[in-house]
Every structure is written in structure tokens, then in C-alpha cells.
Amino acid sequence: MTRIVSVPGDYTTLQDAVNSIGPNQSISIILRSDHKEARVQVNDGRDVTIAGNDPSRTKWSGDDRGVWGLLEIRSYGTVTLRSIKMTTGGQNRAVWSDYGRLVMENSEISDCERESVAFLGGFGGAMECRHSNVTLKNSVFLRNSIKDNAACVDCFGGALYFNNSCIVNIDQCVIEKNGVYGSGIAGRWALGGGIWCEDSEMTVRDTRIMSNIAQSDVARGGGVALKNVRKVEFIRTEITGNQASGRNAGTHGQNAGLFLERGLMERVTLTDSLVADNTTEDGNDPFAIRR
């Protein structure tokens, strides 16, 4: 049986509520008011629902750069977020998942920023997921970014980053004004201002991916960038108004809307979808598709 508790009320923090159940048990937490908590970990098969008390989205904020994200899911933990607005005020990403399951419904992640890690890279301004099952529905991802402040790495996924056998479903979402910003050092890449997807499966339905940017010495996929994907479907989705921009003299962004690495067109399908009006320094991106 799923326990139903409130924060504040039954518990002071979300982590206290999560810790009140054991492995493979479930709990539903009602977040009764705007809440600040820099790190919540869900693991060992725990099944946790966090629901806002306000249908217009209850705010969950935090500002600790020293953790993976506001929400960390690992070791087959499951988290469902409903009517939650997550933000770090530019201090960290919101969600990090490795071998986890995440469902977001009627929620928002905005104004989050993740800095790159020296010699490793920068991954996911709003969300970084690996080996995970992710469902995002009727949610907004706005003004998130990943930035290279180490001046020595590549950066991926201004809003969303998926890698290592993720299964991703995005439905009725808006992914807008996110950015991936490289240092501009010669040869450094910025890919996927809105979404980076690698070695995973992804279906995107009835979604708008717009006004995102990739910017670096080598910039690709201001809207979406794909690498070694198993299967990707865009259904009734618009990828418009995105930008890929070089940061140095003589450098240019490419494929500002949708960038496919390593000849992936046979693994990517677009149905009743539009990729258009995306720009580089040279004007309209030549990769414009309506299918």
C-alpha cells in the first residue's frame, strides 16, 4: 500500500519523507507550499511520487553546485513528478538519473544551469539521464543551459541529455530558449541546444522545440542533436527558430534545427512534423524538412 504524506506537515524535508520507506516500497508526497531543498536521493527500488498542491505548479528550488541535481535517481528508483516547477536559479541542473525511472506530468524545469567538468564534459542543463526510462508529458523546459567554464571540454544538451540505453517518451511538451555554450576554444563542440540523445530510443509527439541555441567553435543542432541512436520518431512536432552559432572568426554553426551524426537518417522518422526557420550565421539552415 502506498503511504500518502505531506511536506511540510508530516515531514520537514522531502528526503526525510523518502527515507521513511524501505527499498522497493512506495510513497506519495504532497508538496503543500513552495519548497527549498538542494538534494533529494531516490534509490534501491523506492517508488516516490511528488505532487504539487497547486495545479499551476508548486515550486521546488535549490542552489547547491556540489551535487548532481535537485533530484538524484539511481539503483532502479522510480520518481513521478506532478505539478512541480523545479529551478536552481542557474546554480545546478534539476534532475540526474542513472538506472532510474522518471515520469514528469504538468511540470516545469526552468532557469537551471550546469557547468562542465574538467576533462569530462558538460551534460544536460535541466536533466541528465543514463540507463533510464523517461516519460515527459505536458511539461515545459525553459531557459536552461550547459556551459563550458573549464575551457577544455565539449558540451551536450542545453535542456535534456539522454545517453547509454535510455528509453525516452516526450509528449505535449515545450522546449524553449535553452542553450549549450562551449568555451570557443578551437575544436571544442556544443551540440543539442534543446536535446542531446545518444545510444538511446526516443519518441517525441505533439511537442514544440523552439528558440534554442548551440554555440561554440563547432556548434551543431541548436534544436536537437542525435548520435548513434537506435530509433528516434518525431510525430506532429515542430523544430523551429533554433540557432547554431560559431564563436570564433571563420567558424559557423551547422544543422541548426536537427543534427544527425554518423549517417542516422534511416533510424530517424518524421511524421506530420516540421524542421524549418532554424538559422546559422549564413542565414536559413539548409536542412529544412516537412514530413
Protein backbone atom coordinates (compact mmCIF):
# COMPACT_ATOMS: atom_id res chain seq x y z
CA MET A 1 0.00 0.00 0.00
CA THR A 2 1.28 3.48 -0.91
CA ARG A 3 1.63 5.87 2.02
CA ILE A 4 0.42 9.45 1.48
CA VAL A 5 2.24 12.18 3.42
CA SER A 6 2.77 15.93 3.18
CA VAL A 7 5.78 18.28 3.23
CA PRO A 8 5.69 20.40 5.26
CA GLY A 9 3.37 18.68 7.69
CA ASP A 10 4.23 15.04 8.24
CA TYR A 11 7.87 15.70 7.34
CA THR A 12 10.06 18.80 7.15
CA THR A 13 12.01 17.73 4.06
CA LEU A 14 11.38 15.60 1.01
CA GLN A 15 14.42 13.48 1.86
CA ASP A 16 13.00 12.69 5.31
CA ALA A 17 9.80 11.50 3.66
CA VAL A 18 11.70 9.35 1.14
CA ASN A 19 13.85 7.88 3.92
CA SER A 20 10.72 6.82 5.81
CA ILE A 21 10.18 3.91 3.39
CA GLY A 22 12.41 0.96 2.72
CA PRO A 23 13.74 -0.48 -0.55
CA ASN A 24 11.01 -1.48 -3.04
CA GLN A 25 8.34 0.40 -1.08
CA SER A 26 6.28 3.35 -2.31
CA ILE A 27 5.23 6.75 -1.00
CA SER A 28 3.22 9.70 -2.32
CA ILE A 29 4.33 13.13 -1.10
CA ILE A 30 2.11 16.20 -1.34
CA LEU A 31 4.26 19.33 -1.54
CA ARG A 32 1.96 21.79 0.19
CA SER A 33 3.91 25.00 -0.46
CA ASP A 34 6.95 26.31 -2.32
CA HIS A 35 9.96 24.42 -1.01
CA LYS A 36 13.75 24.77 -0.99
CA GLU A 37 15.88 21.63 -0.78
CA ALA A 38 19.13 21.24 -2.69
CA ARG A 39 19.28 17.45 -2.97
CA VAL A 40 16.84 14.54 -2.78
CA GLN A 41 18.05 10.99 -3.49
CA VAL A 42 15.78 8.10 -4.51
CA ASN A 43 17.32 4.65 -4.92
CA ASP A 44 17.08 0.90 -4.16
CA GLY A 45 13.77 0.39 -5.95
CA ARG A 46 11.85 3.01 -3.98
CA ASP A 47 8.79 4.36 -5.81
CA VAL A 48 8.21 8.03 -4.97
CA THR A 49 5.53 10.44 -6.22
CA ILE A 50 5.99 14.15 -5.54
CA ALA A 51 2.89 16.19 -6.36
CA GLY A 52 2.38 19.92 -6.05
CA ASN A 53 -0.53 21.20 -4.02
CA ASP A 54 -1.26 23.80 -6.71
CA PRO A 55 -2.31 22.68 -10.23
CA SER A 56 -0.41 25.71 -11.58
CA ARG A 57 2.80 24.07 -10.25
CA THR A 58 4.37 24.24 -6.79
CA LYS A 59 7.97 25.48 -6.81
CA TRP A 60 10.90 23.29 -5.70
CA SER A 61 14.21 25.17 -5.69
CA GLY A 62 17.80 24.63 -4.61
CA ASP A 63 21.22 26.13 -5.27
CA ASP A 64 23.98 23.64 -4.37
CA ARG A 65 26.51 23.25 -7.21
CA GLY A 66 28.22 20.41 -5.35
CA VAL A 67 25.54 17.76 -6.05
CA TRP A 68 24.40 16.03 -9.26
CA GLY A 69 20.99 17.74 -9.18
CA LEU A 70 17.98 18.70 -7.08
CA LEU A 71 16.67 15.18 -7.70
CA GLU A 72 19.02 12.20 -8.00
CA ILE A 73 17.58 8.85 -9.08
CA ARG A 74 19.69 5.71 -9.12
CA SER A 75 19.67 1.95 -8.49
CA TYR A 76 16.21 1.39 -10.03
CA GLY A 77 14.43 4.10 -8.09
CA THR A 78 11.23 5.48 -9.63
CA VAL A 79 10.04 9.08 -9.34
CA THR A 80 6.83 10.66 -10.61
CA LEU A 81 6.62 14.47 -10.58
CA ARG A 82 3.22 16.13 -10.96
CA SER A 83 2.50 19.87 -10.99
CA ILE A 84 6.04 20.74 -9.86
CA LYS A 85 8.22 23.64 -11.00
CA MET A 86 11.91 22.94 -10.45
CA THR A 87 14.54 25.68 -10.59
CA THR A 88 18.07 26.26 -9.32
CA GLY A 89 18.43 29.91 -10.23
CA GLY A 90 21.33 28.99 -12.52
CA GLN A 91 23.24 27.06 -9.85
CA ASN A 92 22.78 23.42 -10.97
CA ARG A 93 20.64 21.07 -13.05
CA ALA A 94 17.29 19.82 -11.74
CA VAL A 95 17.33 16.05 -12.42
CA TRP A 96 20.07 13.43 -12.65
CA SER A 97 19.19 9.76 -13.25
CA ASP A 98 21.30 6.63 -13.67
CA TYR A 99 19.41 3.31 -13.83
CA GLY A 100 16.24 5.10 -12.77
CA ARG A 101 12.72 5.73 -13.99
CA LEU A 102 11.27 9.22 -14.23
CA VAL A 103 7.76 10.43 -15.10
CA MET A 104 7.06 14.18 -15.32
CA GLU A 105 3.48 15.39 -15.82
CA ASN A 106 2.26 19.00 -15.94
CA SER A 107 5.61 20.16 -14.60
CA GLU A 108 8.36 22.63 -15.46
CA ILE A 109 12.14 22.90 -15.25
CA SER A 110 13.37 26.44 -15.79
CA ASP A 111 16.40 28.66 -15.19
CA CYS A 112 18.79 25.84 -14.39
CA GLU A 113 22.46 25.82 -15.43
CA ARG A 114 25.14 23.17 -15.19
CA GLU A 115 28.83 23.89 -15.64
CA SER A 116 31.13 21.48 -17.42
CA VAL A 117 33.50 19.20 -15.52
CA ALA A 118 37.17 19.48 -16.47
CA PHE A 119 38.35 16.74 -18.87
CA LEU A 120 34.91 15.05 -18.81
CA GLY A 121 32.40 17.37 -20.45
CA GLY A 122 29.15 19.15 -19.79
CA PHE A 123 25.88 17.22 -19.86
CA GLY A 124 22.30 18.43 -19.51
CA GLY A 125 21.40 21.86 -18.17
CA ALA A 126 17.99 20.75 -16.91
CA MET A 127 18.29 16.97 -16.91
CA GLU A 128 20.96 14.28 -17.42
CA CYS A 129 19.73 10.67 -17.78
CA ARG A 130 21.68 7.46 -18.40
CA HIS A 131 20.39 3.86 -18.48
CA SER A 132 16.96 5.28 -17.61
CA ASN A 133 13.32 5.15 -18.66
CA VAL A 134 11.98 8.70 -19.03
CA THR A 135 8.46 9.96 -19.77
CA LEU A 136 7.85 13.71 -20.06
CA LYS A 137 4.26 14.82 -20.63
CA ASN A 138 2.63 18.24 -20.83
CA SER A 139 5.74 19.83 -19.35
CA VAL A 140 7.94 22.87 -20.06
CA PHE A 141 11.73 23.19 -20.24
CA LEU A 142 12.66 26.87 -20.37
CA ARG A 143 15.91 28.90 -20.20
CA ASN A 144 18.17 26.07 -19.08
CA SER A 145 21.81 25.80 -20.14
CA ILE A 146 25.05 23.89 -20.02
CA LYS A 147 28.26 25.95 -20.15
CA ASP A 148 31.93 25.13 -20.52
CA ASN A 149 33.81 27.16 -17.94
CA ALA A 150 36.76 24.73 -17.93
CA ALA A 151 37.80 25.76 -21.47
CA CYS A 152 38.78 22.20 -22.34
CA VAL A 153 35.69 20.08 -22.98
CA ASP A 154 32.65 19.60 -25.23
CA CYS A 155 29.09 20.32 -24.06
CA PHE A 156 25.85 18.48 -24.81
CA GLY A 157 22.13 19.09 -24.19
CA GLY A 158 21.19 22.59 -23.08
CA ALA A 159 17.95 21.25 -21.60
CA LEU A 160 17.80 17.45 -21.93
CA TYR A 161 20.59 14.88 -22.16
CA PHE A 162 19.93 11.16 -22.77
CA ASN A 163 22.64 8.50 -23.18
CA ASN A 164 23.52 4.86 -22.50
CA SER A 165 20.37 2.96 -23.47
CA CYS A 166 17.66 5.35 -22.32
CA ILE A 167 14.08 4.86 -23.46
CA VAL A 168 12.51 8.30 -23.79
CA ASN A 169 8.94 9.46 -24.49
CA ILE A 170 8.25 13.19 -24.82
CA ASP A 171 4.61 14.15 -25.30
CA GLN A 172 2.94 17.59 -25.49
CA CYS A 173 5.98 19.45 -24.18
CA VAL A 174 7.58 22.83 -24.88
CA ILE A 175 11.40 23.00 -25.03
CA GLU A 176 12.26 26.66 -25.44
CA LYS A 177 15.13 29.16 -25.04
CA ASN A 178 17.64 26.62 -23.74
CA GLY A 179 21.31 26.72 -24.72
CA VAL A 180 24.55 24.78 -24.87
CA TYR A 181 27.59 27.07 -24.78
CA GLY A 182 31.12 25.90 -25.46
CA SER A 183 34.18 27.88 -24.50
CA GLY A 184 35.05 28.80 -28.08
CA ILE A 185 38.46 27.12 -27.79
CA ALA A 186 39.43 25.78 -31.22
CA GLY A 187 37.89 22.36 -31.93
CA ARG A 188 35.52 22.30 -28.96
CA TRP A 189 31.92 21.29 -29.65
CA ALA A 190 28.49 22.40 -28.48
CA LEU A 191 25.67 20.06 -29.54
CA GLY A 192 21.92 19.97 -28.88
CA GLY A 193 20.73 23.31 -27.54
CA GLY A 194 17.39 21.71 -26.70
CA ILE A 195 18.03 17.94 -26.69
CA TRP A 196 21.03 15.63 -26.98
CA CYS A 197 20.21 11.93 -27.49
CA GLU A 198 22.88 9.21 -27.87
CA ASP A 199 22.75 5.41 -27.89
CA SER A 200 19.06 5.54 -26.90
CA GLU A 201 15.49 5.37 -28.22
CA MET A 202 13.31 8.46 -28.25
CA THR A 203 9.76 9.30 -29.35
CA VAL A 204 8.66 12.95 -29.47
CA ARG A 205 4.96 13.71 -30.01
CA ASP A 206 2.99 16.97 -30.27
CA THR A 207 5.96 18.95 -28.99
CA ARG A 208 7.50 22.33 -29.83
CA ILE A 209 11.29 22.66 -29.80
CA MET A 210 11.99 26.32 -30.47
CA SER A 211 14.39 29.23 -29.94
CA ASN A 212 17.20 27.08 -28.52
CA ILE A 213 20.89 27.64 -29.32
CA ALA A 214 24.17 25.75 -29.67
CA GLN A 215 27.23 28.00 -29.62
CA SER A 216 30.95 27.14 -29.68
CA ASP A 217 33.88 26.84 -32.06
CA VAL A 218 31.99 23.86 -33.51
CA ALA A 219 28.21 24.20 -33.00
CA ARG A 220 25.63 21.69 -34.22
CA GLY A 221 21.94 21.08 -33.59
CA GLY A 222 20.57 24.19 -31.95
CA GLY A 223 17.29 22.33 -31.53
CA VAL A 224 18.18 18.63 -31.39
CA ALA A 225 21.41 16.65 -31.86
CA LEU A 226 21.48 12.85 -32.29
CA LYS A 227 24.36 10.36 -32.17
CA ASN A 228 24.30 6.57 -32.58
CA VAL A 229 20.60 6.49 -31.74
CA ARG A 230 18.74 3.20 -32.04
CA LYS A 231 15.44 4.74 -33.10
CA VAL A 232 14.00 8.27 -32.98
CA GLU A 233 10.50 9.35 -34.03
CA PHE A 234 9.12 12.86 -34.31
CA ILE A 235 5.32 12.91 -34.59
CA ARG A 236 3.39 16.18 -35.07
CA THR A 237 6.43 18.02 -33.73
CA GLU A 238 7.88 21.40 -34.70
CA ILE A 239 11.60 22.19 -34.54
CA THR A 240 11.72 25.88 -35.41
CA GLY A 241 13.57 29.11 -34.67
CA ASN A 242 16.67 27.40 -33.28
CA GLN A 243 20.23 28.59 -33.86
CA ALA A 244 23.72 27.12 -34.27
CA SER A 245 26.49 29.67 -34.00
CA GLY A 246 30.29 29.64 -34.14
CA ARG A 247 32.06 31.74 -31.53
CA ASN A 248 35.28 32.47 -33.42
CA ALA A 249 36.05 34.30 -36.64
CA GLY A 250 35.62 31.96 -39.58
CA THR A 251 33.60 29.35 -37.66
CA HIS A 252 29.99 28.57 -38.44
CA GLY A 253 27.22 26.54 -36.90
CA GLN A 254 25.53 23.82 -38.93
CA ASN A 255 22.19 21.99 -38.91
CA ALA A 256 20.67 24.49 -36.52
CA GLY A 257 17.38 22.61 -36.25
CA LEU A 258 18.24 18.91 -36.28
CA PHE A 259 21.77 17.47 -36.39
CA LEU A 260 22.29 13.78 -37.14
CA GLU A 261 25.75 12.39 -36.52
CA ARG A 262 27.15 9.38 -38.40
CA GLY A 263 24.52 8.88 -41.11
CA LEU A 264 21.50 8.22 -38.93
CA MET A 265 18.72 9.27 -41.29
CA GLU A 266 17.47 5.70 -41.70
CA ARG A 267 16.91 5.50 -37.92
CA VAL A 268 15.03 8.79 -37.68
CA THR A 269 11.44 9.29 -38.85
CA LEU A 270 9.36 12.46 -39.02
CA THR A 271 5.58 12.18 -39.34
CA ASP A 272 3.48 15.33 -39.83
CA SER A 273 6.45 17.25 -38.41
CA LEU A 274 8.33 20.40 -39.36
CA VAL A 275 12.02 21.34 -39.20
CA ALA A 276 12.30 24.89 -40.54
CA ASP A 277 13.32 28.52 -39.94
CA ASN A 278 16.40 27.50 -37.97
CA THR A 279 19.46 29.68 -38.57
CA THR A 280 23.25 29.84 -38.70
CA GLU A 281 25.47 32.85 -39.38
CA ASP A 282 24.89 32.27 -43.09
CA GLY A 283 21.12 32.65 -42.80
CA ASN A 284 18.45 29.97 -43.03
CA ASP A 285 19.66 26.48 -42.29
CA PRO A 286 19.59 24.38 -45.47
CA PHE A 287 18.29 21.39 -43.50
CA ALA A 288 14.55 22.14 -43.68
CA ILE A 289 12.14 19.21 -43.67
CA ARG A 290 8.40 18.79 -43.61
CA ARG A 291 7.19 15.20 -43.30
